[in-house]
PDB file of all heavy atoms in Angstrom:
ATOM      1  N   LEU A   1     137.927  53.376  20.498  1.00  0.00           N
ATOM      2  CA  LEU A   1     137.466  52.518  21.560  1.00  0.00           C
ATOM      3  C   LEU A   1     136.066  52.992  22.046  1.00  0.00           C
ATOM      4  O   LEU A   1     135.981  54.073  22.470  1.00  0.00           O
ATOM      5  CB  LEU A   1     138.461  52.423  22.710  1.00  0.00           C
ATOM      6  CG  LEU A   1     137.900  51.684  23.963  1.00  0.00           C
ATOM      7  CD1 LEU A   1     137.516  50.214  23.682  1.00  0.00           C
ATOM      8  CD2 LEU A   1     138.975  51.787  25.079  1.00  0.00           C
ATOM      9  N   LYS A   2     135.073  52.084  21.937  1.00  0.00           N
ATOM     10  CA  LYS A   2     133.767  52.404  22.424  1.00  0.00           C
ATOM     11  C   LYS A   2     133.522  51.659  23.794  1.00  0.00           C
ATOM     12  O   LYS A   2     133.924  50.440  23.839  1.00  0.00           O
ATOM     13  CB  LYS A   2     132.679  52.042  21.458  1.00  0.00           C
ATOM     14  CG  LYS A   2     132.642  52.886  20.103  1.00  0.00           C
ATOM     15  CD  LYS A   2     131.533  52.444  19.190  1.00  0.00           C
ATOM     16  CE  LYS A   2     131.531  53.299  17.983  1.00  0.00           C
ATOM     17  NZ  LYS A   2     130.374  52.947  17.070  1.00  0.00           N
ATOM     18  N   LEU A   3     132.889  52.234  24.657  1.00  0.00           N
ATOM     19  CA  LEU A   3     132.778  51.718  26.053  1.00  0.00           C
ATOM     20  C   LEU A   3     131.334  51.899  26.588  1.00  0.00           C
ATOM     21  O   LEU A   3     130.695  52.903  26.332  1.00  0.00           O
ATOM     22  CB  LEU A   3     133.808  52.411  26.968  1.00  0.00           C
ATOM     23  CG  LEU A   3     134.164  51.796  28.261  1.00  0.00           C
ATOM     24  CD1 LEU A   3     134.964  50.526  27.995  1.00  0.00           C
ATOM     25  CD2 LEU A   3     135.104  52.773  29.038  1.00  0.00           C
ATOM     26  N   ASN A   4     130.842  50.828  27.299  1.00  0.00           N
ATOM     27  CA  ASN A   4     129.532  50.950  27.880  1.00  0.00           C
ATOM     28  C   ASN A   4     129.462  50.035  29.111  1.00  0.00           C
ATOM     29  O   ASN A   4     130.268  49.174  29.263  1.00  0.00           O
ATOM     30  CB  ASN A   4     128.425  50.629  26.931  1.00  0.00           C
ATOM     31  CG  ASN A   4     127.041  51.097  27.319  1.00  0.00           C
ATOM     32  OD1 ASN A   4     126.965  51.937  28.233  1.00  0.00           O
ATOM     33  ND2 ASN A   4     125.991  50.476  26.774  1.00  0.00           N
ATOM     34  N   SER A   5     128.511  50.230  29.920  1.00  0.00           N
ATOM     35  CA  SER A   5     128.253  49.266  31.022  1.00  0.00           C
ATOM     36  C   SER A   5     126.853  48.717  30.855  1.00  0.00           C
ATOM     37  O   SER A   5     125.877  49.437  30.568  1.00  0.00           O
ATOM     38  CB  SER A   5     128.244  49.978  32.371  1.00  0.00           C
ATOM     39  OG  SER A   5     127.925  49.002  33.401  1.00  0.00           O
ATOM     40  N   LEU A   6     126.704  47.394  30.911  1.00  0.00           N
ATOM     41  CA  LEU A   6     125.420  46.762  30.736  1.00  0.00           C
ATOM     42  C   LEU A   6     124.695  46.477  32.040  1.00  0.00           C
ATOM     43  O   LEU A   6     123.651  45.859  32.025  1.00  0.00           O
ATOM     44  CB  LEU A   6     125.606  45.437  29.982  1.00  0.00           C
ATOM     45  CG  LEU A   6     126.320  45.532  28.647  1.00  0.00           C
ATOM     46  CD1 LEU A   6     126.452  44.131  28.081  1.00  0.00           C
ATOM     47  CD2 LEU A   6     125.629  46.516  27.711  1.00  0.00           C
ATOM     48  N   GLY A   7     125.326  46.878  33.132  1.00  0.00           N
ATOM     49  CA  GLY A   7     124.699  46.638  34.428  1.00  0.00           C
ATOM     50  C   GLY A   7     124.731  45.198  34.826  1.00  0.00           C
ATOM     51  O   GLY A   7     125.361  44.414  34.190  1.00  0.00           O
ATOM     52  N   ASP A   8     124.044  44.887  35.905  1.00  0.00           N
ATOM     53  CA  ASP A   8     124.005  43.508  36.406  1.00  0.00           C
ATOM     54  C   ASP A   8     122.590  43.133  36.782  1.00  0.00           C
ATOM     55  O   ASP A   8     121.636  43.891  36.500  1.00  0.00           O
ATOM     56  CB  ASP A   8     124.988  43.296  37.563  1.00  0.00           C
ATOM     57  CG  ASP A   8     124.669  44.189  38.767  1.00  0.00           C
ATOM     58  OD1 ASP A   8     123.586  44.729  38.847  1.00  0.00           O
ATOM     59  OD2 ASP A   8     125.502  44.273  39.754  1.00  0.00           O
ATOM     60  N   SER A   9     122.456  42.008  37.508  1.00  0.00           N
ATOM     61  CA  SER A   9     121.090  41.544  37.885  1.00  0.00           C
ATOM     62  C   SER A   9     120.395  42.484  38.823  1.00  0.00           C
ATOM     63  O   SER A   9     119.111  42.399  39.032  1.00  0.00           O
ATOM     64  CB  SER A   9     121.162  40.154  38.553  1.00  0.00           C
ATOM     65  OG  SER A   9     121.991  40.191  39.668  1.00  0.00           O
ATOM     66  N   SER A  10     121.035  43.460  39.414  1.00  0.00           N
ATOM     67  CA  SER A  10     120.462  44.481  40.312  1.00  0.00           C
ATOM     68  C   SER A  10     119.797  45.566  39.571  1.00  0.00           C
ATOM     69  O   SER A  10     118.751  46.036  39.993  1.00  0.00           O
ATOM     70  CB  SER A  10     121.499  45.008  41.309  1.00  0.00           C
ATOM     71  OG  SER A  10     121.996  44.051  42.091  1.00  0.00           O
ATOM     72  N   CYS A  11     120.453  46.012  38.529  1.00  0.00           N
ATOM     73  CA  CYS A  11     119.890  47.256  37.770  1.00  0.00           C
ATOM     74  C   CYS A  11     119.352  46.910  36.411  1.00  0.00           C
ATOM     75  O   CYS A  11     118.546  47.764  35.851  1.00  0.00           O
ATOM     76  CB  CYS A  11     120.990  48.280  37.625  1.00  0.00           C
ATOM     77  SG  CYS A  11     122.617  47.676  37.159  1.00  0.00           S
ATOM     78  N   MET A  12     119.678  45.737  35.799  1.00  0.00           N
ATOM     79  CA  MET A  12     119.209  45.431  34.466  1.00  0.00           C
ATOM     80  C   MET A  12     117.665  45.237  34.422  1.00  0.00           C
ATOM     81  O   MET A  12     117.079  45.776  33.471  1.00  0.00           O
ATOM     82  CB  MET A  12     119.853  44.223  33.967  1.00  0.00           C
ATOM     83  CG  MET A  12     119.308  43.757  32.612  1.00  0.00           C
ATOM     84  SD  MET A  12     119.416  44.916  31.292  1.00  0.00           S
ATOM     85  CE  MET A  12     121.160  44.895  30.916  1.00  0.00           C
ATOM     86  N   PRO A  13     116.982  44.547  35.362  1.00  0.00           N
ATOM     87  CA  PRO A  13     115.533  44.445  35.220  1.00  0.00           C
ATOM     88  C   PRO A  13     114.793  45.710  35.177  1.00  0.00           C
ATOM     89  O   PRO A  13     113.862  45.857  34.312  1.00  0.00           O
ATOM     90  CB  PRO A  13     115.242  43.645  36.519  1.00  0.00           C
ATOM     91  CG  PRO A  13     116.447  42.873  36.884  1.00  0.00           C
ATOM     92  CD  PRO A  13     117.558  43.870  36.508  1.00  0.00           C
ATOM     93  N   GLN A  14     115.197  46.672  35.965  1.00  0.00           N
ATOM     94  CA  GLN A  14     114.458  48.012  35.912  1.00  0.00           C
ATOM     95  C   GLN A  14     114.663  48.661  34.617  1.00  0.00           C
ATOM     96  O   GLN A  14     113.687  49.212  34.014  1.00  0.00           O
ATOM     97  CB  GLN A  14     114.997  48.882  37.047  1.00  0.00           C
ATOM     98  CG  GLN A  14     114.412  50.294  37.062  1.00  0.00           C
ATOM     99  CD  GLN A  14     115.059  51.221  38.179  1.00  0.00           C
ATOM    100  OE1 GLN A  14     115.780  50.773  38.978  1.00  0.00           O
ATOM    101  NE2 GLN A  14     114.701  52.431  38.079  1.00  0.00           N
ATOM    102  N   TYR A  15     115.885  48.607  34.099  1.00  0.00           N
ATOM    103  CA  TYR A  15     116.149  49.192  32.711  1.00  0.00           C
ATOM    104  C   TYR A  15     115.345  48.538  31.632  1.00  0.00           C
ATOM    105  O   TYR A  15     114.754  49.129  30.788  1.00  0.00           O
ATOM    106  CB  TYR A  15     117.594  49.195  32.388  1.00  0.00           C
ATOM    107  CG  TYR A  15     117.843  49.652  30.920  1.00  0.00           C
ATOM    108  CD1 TYR A  15     117.711  50.940  30.638  1.00  0.00           C
ATOM    109  CD2 TYR A  15     118.137  48.695  29.991  1.00  0.00           C
ATOM    110  CE1 TYR A  15     117.946  51.388  29.306  1.00  0.00           C
ATOM    111  CE2 TYR A  15     118.269  49.073  28.646  1.00  0.00           C
ATOM    112  CZ  TYR A  15     118.256  50.426  28.359  1.00  0.00           C
ATOM    113  OH  TYR A  15     118.348  50.853  27.023  1.00  0.00           O
ATOM    114  N   ARG A  16     115.297  47.098  31.751  1.00  0.00           N
ATOM    115  CA  ARG A  16     114.614  46.409  30.742  1.00  0.00           C
ATOM    116  C   ARG A  16     113.127  46.772  30.730  1.00  0.00           C
ATOM    117  O   ARG A  16     112.575  46.894  29.606  1.00  0.00           O
ATOM    118  CB  ARG A  16     114.767  44.893  30.997  1.00  0.00           C
ATOM    119  CG  ARG A  16     114.170  44.013  29.959  1.00  0.00           C
ATOM    120  CD  ARG A  16     114.279  42.511  30.272  1.00  0.00           C
ATOM    121  NE  ARG A  16     115.652  42.046  30.231  1.00  0.00           N
ATOM    122  CZ  ARG A  16     116.325  41.652  31.249  1.00  0.00           C
ATOM    123  NH1 ARG A  16     115.787  41.659  32.444  1.00  0.00           N
ATOM    124  NH2 ARG A  16     117.566  41.237  31.151  1.00  0.00           N
ATOM    125  N   ASP A  17     112.549  46.878  31.845  1.00  0.00           N
ATOM    126  CA  ASP A  17     111.068  47.299  31.918  1.00  0.00           C
ATOM    127  C   ASP A  17     110.871  48.626  31.280  1.00  0.00           C
ATOM    128  O   ASP A  17     109.928  48.781  30.487  1.00  0.00           O
ATOM    129  CB  ASP A  17     110.666  47.361  33.415  1.00  0.00           C
ATOM    130  CG  ASP A  17     110.635  45.973  34.004  1.00  0.00           C
ATOM    131  OD1 ASP A  17     110.625  44.943  33.257  1.00  0.00           O
ATOM    132  OD2 ASP A  17     110.533  45.907  35.260  1.00  0.00           O
ATOM    133  N   GLY A  18     111.760  49.571  31.474  1.00  0.00           N
ATOM    134  CA  GLY A  18     111.679  50.891  30.894  1.00  0.00           C
ATOM    135  C   GLY A  18     111.809  50.869  29.398  1.00  0.00           C
ATOM    136  O   GLY A  18     111.115  51.589  28.648  1.00  0.00           O
ATOM    137  N   LEU A  19     112.783  50.023  28.894  1.00  0.00           N
ATOM    138  CA  LEU A  19     112.970  49.880  27.486  1.00  0.00           C
ATOM    139  C   LEU A  19     111.812  49.179  26.810  1.00  0.00           C
ATOM    140  O   LEU A  19     111.413  49.682  25.659  1.00  0.00           O
ATOM    141  CB  LEU A  19     114.334  49.056  27.204  1.00  0.00           C
ATOM    142  CG  LEU A  19     114.696  48.812  25.752  1.00  0.00           C
ATOM    143  CD1 LEU A  19     114.916  50.189  25.062  1.00  0.00           C
ATOM    144  CD2 LEU A  19     115.876  47.904  25.654  1.00  0.00           C
ATOM    145  N   VAL A  20     111.256  48.140  27.395  1.00  0.00           N
ATOM    146  CA  VAL A  20     110.103  47.521  26.893  1.00  0.00           C
ATOM    147  C   VAL A  20     108.914  48.480  26.720  1.00  0.00           C
ATOM    148  O   VAL A  20     108.173  48.465  25.671  1.00  0.00           O
ATOM    149  CB  VAL A  20     109.715  46.226  27.671  1.00  0.00           C
ATOM    150  CG1 VAL A  20     108.360  45.728  27.234  1.00  0.00           C
ATOM    151  CG2 VAL A  20     110.791  45.200  27.530  1.00  0.00           C
ATOM    152  N   SER A  21     108.730  49.342  27.715  1.00  0.00           N
ATOM    153  CA  SER A  21     107.622  50.305  27.627  1.00  0.00           C
ATOM    154  C   SER A  21     107.916  51.229  26.464  1.00  0.00           C
ATOM    155  O   SER A  21     106.896  51.593  25.767  1.00  0.00           O
ATOM    156  CB  SER A  21     107.615  51.108  28.928  1.00  0.00           C
ATOM    157  OG  SER A  21     107.256  50.324  29.992  1.00  0.00           O
ATOM    158  N   PHE A  22     109.107  51.652  26.305  1.00  0.00           N
ATOM    159  CA  PHE A  22     109.415  52.528  25.073  1.00  0.00           C
ATOM    160  C   PHE A  22     109.103  51.799  23.798  1.00  0.00           C
ATOM    161  O   PHE A  22     108.487  52.429  22.910  1.00  0.00           O
ATOM    162  CB  PHE A  22     110.914  52.971  25.178  1.00  0.00           C
ATOM    163  CG  PHE A  22     111.411  53.724  24.029  1.00  0.00           C
ATOM    164  CD1 PHE A  22     111.240  55.120  23.952  1.00  0.00           C
ATOM    165  CD2 PHE A  22     112.017  53.055  22.925  1.00  0.00           C
ATOM    166  CE1 PHE A  22     111.746  55.780  22.898  1.00  0.00           C
ATOM    167  CE2 PHE A  22     112.427  53.762  21.820  1.00  0.00           C
ATOM    168  CZ  PHE A  22     112.270  55.158  21.760  1.00  0.00           C
ATOM    169  N   LEU A  23     109.455  50.563  23.687  1.00  0.00           N
ATOM    170  CA  LEU A  23     109.289  49.749  22.479  1.00  0.00           C
ATOM    171  C   LEU A  23     107.806  49.566  22.221  1.00  0.00           C
ATOM    172  O   LEU A  23     107.382  49.575  21.116  1.00  0.00           O
ATOM    173  CB  LEU A  23     109.978  48.400  22.574  1.00  0.00           C
ATOM    174  CG  LEU A  23     111.475  48.480  22.632  1.00  0.00           C
ATOM    175  CD1 LEU A  23     112.096  47.104  22.868  1.00  0.00           C
ATOM    176  CD2 LEU A  23     112.083  49.092  21.361  1.00  0.00           C
ATOM    177  N   ASP A  24     107.052  49.291  23.306  1.00  0.00           N
ATOM    178  CA  ASP A  24     105.590  49.208  23.181  1.00  0.00           C
ATOM    179  C   ASP A  24     104.960  50.517  22.566  1.00  0.00           C
ATOM    180  O   ASP A  24     104.066  50.418  21.750  1.00  0.00           O
ATOM    181  CB  ASP A  24     104.921  48.886  24.548  1.00  0.00           C
ATOM    182  CG  ASP A  24     105.204  47.450  24.955  1.00  0.00           C
ATOM    183  OD1 ASP A  24     105.580  46.611  24.064  1.00  0.00           O
ATOM    184  OD2 ASP A  24     105.062  47.198  26.120  1.00  0.00           O
ATOM    185  N   GLU A  25     105.485  51.630  23.043  1.00  0.00           N
ATOM    186  CA  GLU A  25     104.894  52.908  22.489  1.00  0.00           C
ATOM    187  C   GLU A  25     105.219  53.044  21.052  1.00  0.00           C
ATOM    188  O   GLU A  25     104.486  53.752  20.344  1.00  0.00           O
ATOM    189  CB  GLU A  25     105.588  54.003  23.288  1.00  0.00           C
ATOM    190  CG  GLU A  25     105.139  54.147  24.727  1.00  0.00           C
ATOM    191  CD  GLU A  25     105.877  55.182  25.536  1.00  0.00           C
ATOM    192  OE1 GLU A  25     106.577  56.015  24.829  1.00  0.00           O
ATOM    193  OE2 GLU A  25     105.730  55.276  26.753  1.00  0.00           O
ATOM    194  N   HIS A  26     106.271  52.474  20.551  1.00  0.00           N
ATOM    195  CA  HIS A  26     106.720  52.618  19.161  1.00  0.00           C
ATOM    196  C   HIS A  26     106.627  51.315  18.367  1.00  0.00           C
ATOM    197  O   HIS A  26     107.411  51.063  17.439  1.00  0.00           O
ATOM    198  CB  HIS A  26     108.194  53.200  19.103  1.00  0.00           C
ATOM    199  CG  HIS A  26     108.334  54.585  19.802  1.00  0.00           C
ATOM    200  ND1 HIS A  26     108.081  55.709  19.180  1.00  0.00           N
ATOM    201  CD2 HIS A  26     108.667  54.829  21.083  1.00  0.00           C
ATOM    202  CE1 HIS A  26     108.190  56.757  19.981  1.00  0.00           C
ATOM    203  NE2 HIS A  26     108.614  56.239  21.114  1.00  0.00           N
ATOM    204  N   HIS A  27     105.727  50.462  18.810  1.00  0.00           N
ATOM    205  CA  HIS A  27     105.658  49.159  18.212  1.00  0.00           C
ATOM    206  C   HIS A  27     105.559  49.186  16.653  1.00  0.00           C
ATOM    207  O   HIS A  27     106.199  48.306  16.058  1.00  0.00           O
ATOM    208  CB  HIS A  27     104.430  48.400  18.798  1.00  0.00           C
ATOM    209  CG  HIS A  27     104.302  46.995  18.302  1.00  0.00           C
ATOM    210  ND1 HIS A  27     105.040  45.931  18.793  1.00  0.00           N
ATOM    211  CD2 HIS A  27     103.538  46.444  17.233  1.00  0.00           C
ATOM    212  CE1 HIS A  27     104.699  44.824  18.133  1.00  0.00           C
ATOM    213  NE2 HIS A  27     103.755  45.162  17.198  1.00  0.00           N
ATOM    214  N   ASP A  28     104.815  50.012  16.143  1.00  0.00           N
ATOM    215  CA  ASP A  28     104.566  50.070  14.705  1.00  0.00           C
ATOM    216  C   ASP A  28     105.710  50.659  13.928  1.00  0.00           C
ATOM    217  O   ASP A  28     105.788  50.664  12.686  1.00  0.00           O
ATOM    218  CB  ASP A  28     103.286  50.877  14.363  1.00  0.00           C
ATOM    219  CG  ASP A  28     102.063  50.220  14.889  1.00  0.00           C
ATOM    220  OD1 ASP A  28     102.099  48.967  15.067  1.00  0.00           O
ATOM    221  OD2 ASP A  28     101.061  50.888  15.141  1.00  0.00           O
ATOM    222  N   GLU A  29     106.746  51.198  14.667  1.00  0.00           N
ATOM    223  CA  GLU A  29     107.881  51.848  13.970  1.00  0.00           C
ATOM    224  C   GLU A  29     109.156  50.989  13.943  1.00  0.00           C
ATOM    225  O   GLU A  29     110.091  51.366  13.280  1.00  0.00           O
ATOM    226  CB  GLU A  29     108.162  53.218  14.715  1.00  0.00           C
ATOM    227  CG  GLU A  29     107.020  54.181  14.763  1.00  0.00           C
ATOM    228  CD  GLU A  29     107.334  55.388  15.626  1.00  0.00           C
ATOM    229  OE1 GLU A  29     108.323  56.090  15.336  1.00  0.00           O
ATOM    230  OE2 GLU A  29     106.590  55.577  16.693  1.00  0.00           O
ATOM    231  N   ILE A  30     109.111  49.931  14.779  1.00  0.00           N
ATOM    232  CA  ILE A  30     110.354  49.131  14.803  1.00  0.00           C
ATOM    233  C   ILE A  30     110.264  47.965  13.794  1.00  0.00           C
ATOM    234  O   ILE A  30     109.155  47.585  13.368  1.00  0.00           O
ATOM    235  CB  ILE A  30     110.569  48.596  16.192  1.00  0.00           C
ATOM    236  CG1 ILE A  30     109.460  47.690  16.699  1.00  0.00           C
ATOM    237  CG2 ILE A  30     110.819  49.749  17.184  1.00  0.00           C
ATOM    238  CD1 ILE A  30     109.700  47.128  18.117  1.00  0.00           C
ATOM    239  N   CYS A  31     111.376  47.436  13.409  1.00  0.00           N
ATOM    240  CA  CYS A  31     111.516  46.436  12.433  1.00  0.00           C
ATOM    241  C   CYS A  31     111.040  45.036  12.992  1.00  0.00           C
ATOM    242  O   CYS A  31     110.922  44.930  14.200  1.00  0.00           O
ATOM    243  CB  CYS A  31     112.934  46.275  11.870  1.00  0.00           C
ATOM    244  SG  CYS A  31     114.197  45.692  13.028  1.00  0.00           S
ATOM    245  N   GLU A  32     110.867  44.058  12.129  1.00  0.00           N
ATOM    246  CA  GLU A  32     110.405  42.699  12.567  1.00  0.00           C
ATOM    247  C   GLU A  32     111.380  42.148  13.577  1.00  0.00           C
ATOM    248  O   GLU A  32     111.037  41.433  14.558  1.00  0.00           O
ATOM    249  CB  GLU A  32     110.165  41.828  11.406  1.00  0.00           C
ATOM    250  CG  GLU A  32     108.962  42.239  10.519  1.00  0.00           C
ATOM    251  CD  GLU A  32     108.678  41.289   9.423  1.00  0.00           C
ATOM    252  OE1 GLU A  32     109.374  40.192   9.403  1.00  0.00           O
ATOM    253  OE2 GLU A  32     107.857  41.495   8.567  1.00  0.00           O
ATOM    254  N   ASP A  33     112.721  42.273  13.284  1.00  0.00           N
ATOM    255  CA  ASP A  33     113.665  41.721  14.156  1.00  0.00           C
ATOM    256  C   ASP A  33     113.617  42.260  15.577  1.00  0.00           C
ATOM    257  O   ASP A  33     113.678  41.538  16.597  1.00  0.00           O
ATOM    258  CB  ASP A  33     115.131  41.922  13.631  1.00  0.00           C
ATOM    259  CG  ASP A  33     115.456  40.861  12.514  1.00  0.00           C
ATOM    260  OD1 ASP A  33     114.826  39.879  12.443  1.00  0.00           O
ATOM    261  OD2 ASP A  33     116.438  41.192  11.745  1.00  0.00           O
ATOM    262  N   CYS A  34     113.324  43.590  15.619  1.00  0.00           N
ATOM    263  CA  CYS A  34     113.231  44.245  16.972  1.00  0.00           C
ATOM    264  C   CYS A  34     111.950  43.824  17.735  1.00  0.00           C
ATOM    265  O   CYS A  34     111.970  43.711  18.923  1.00  0.00           O
ATOM    266  CB  CYS A  34     113.267  45.736  16.834  1.00  0.00           C
ATOM    267  SG  CYS A  34     115.033  46.309  16.487  1.00  0.00           S
ATOM    268  N   VAL A  35     110.881  43.582  16.935  1.00  0.00           N
ATOM    269  CA  VAL A  35     109.733  43.051  17.548  1.00  0.00           C
ATOM    270  C   VAL A  35     109.988  41.683  18.204  1.00  0.00           C
ATOM    271  O   VAL A  35     109.556  41.392  19.327  1.00  0.00           O
ATOM    272  CB  VAL A  35     108.588  42.927  16.493  1.00  0.00           C
ATOM    273  CG1 VAL A  35     107.345  42.151  17.058  1.00  0.00           C
ATOM    274  CG2 VAL A  35     108.090  44.268  16.017  1.00  0.00           C
ATOM    275  N   ARG A  36     110.754  40.841  17.472  1.00  0.00           N
ATOM    276  CA  ARG A  36     111.092  39.510  18.011  1.00  0.00           C
ATOM    277  C   ARG A  36     112.014  39.700  19.252  1.00  0.00           C
ATOM    278  O   ARG A  36     111.806  39.039  20.258  1.00  0.00           O
ATOM    279  CB  ARG A  36     111.788  38.702  16.957  1.00  0.00           C
ATOM    280  CG  ARG A  36     112.330  37.369  17.417  1.00  0.00           C
ATOM    281  CD  ARG A  36     112.955  36.579  16.288  1.00  0.00           C
ATOM    282  NE  ARG A  36     113.970  37.329  15.538  1.00  0.00           N
ATOM    283  CZ  ARG A  36     115.214  37.494  16.023  1.00  0.00           C
ATOM    284  NH1 ARG A  36     115.600  36.814  17.101  1.00  0.00           N
ATOM    285  NH2 ARG A  36     116.167  38.143  15.325  1.00  0.00           N
ATOM    286  N   ARG A  37     112.997  40.569  19.111  1.00  0.00           N
ATOM    287  CA  ARG A  37     113.936  40.738  20.258  1.00  0.00           C
ATOM    288  C   ARG A  37     113.295  41.311  21.487  1.00  0.00           C
ATOM    289  O   ARG A  37     113.623  41.023  22.579  1.00  0.00           O
ATOM    290  CB  ARG A  37     115.032  41.723  19.857  1.00  0.00           C
ATOM    291  CG  ARG A  37     115.961  41.087  18.784  1.00  0.00           C
ATOM    292  CD  ARG A  37     116.886  42.166  18.126  1.00  0.00           C
ATOM    293  NE  ARG A  37     117.754  41.668  17.136  1.00  0.00           N
ATOM    294  CZ  ARG A  37     118.260  42.332  16.118  1.00  0.00           C
ATOM    295  NH1 ARG A  37     117.853  43.619  15.945  1.00  0.00           N
ATOM    296  NH2 ARG A  37     119.084  41.779  15.252  1.00  0.00           N
ATOM    297  N   LYS A  38     112.236  42.112  21.328  1.00  0.00           N
ATOM    298  CA  LYS A  38     111.503  42.681  22.446  1.00  0.00           C
ATOM    299  C   LYS A  38     110.883  41.596  23.301  1.00  0.00           C
ATOM    300  O   LYS A  38     110.875  41.783  24.504  1.00  0.00           O
ATOM    301  CB  LYS A  38     110.336  43.599  21.999  1.00  0.00           C
ATOM    302  CG  LYS A  38     109.616  44.360  23.017  1.00  0.00           C
ATOM    303  CD  LYS A  38     108.431  45.146  22.543  1.00  0.00           C
ATOM    304  CE  LYS A  38     107.299  44.248  22.168  1.00  0.00           C
ATOM    305  NZ  LYS A  38     106.069  44.986  21.940  1.00  0.00           N
TER     306      LYS A  38
END
């Protein structure tokens, strides 16, 4: 059994911003699907 919490509208926006910044830093390393998902 794998378990995680995805947060809610209070904490997800802050996390999303941090993840997008990480993806921007590695834009040339991620696949086309991930570029679209970003």
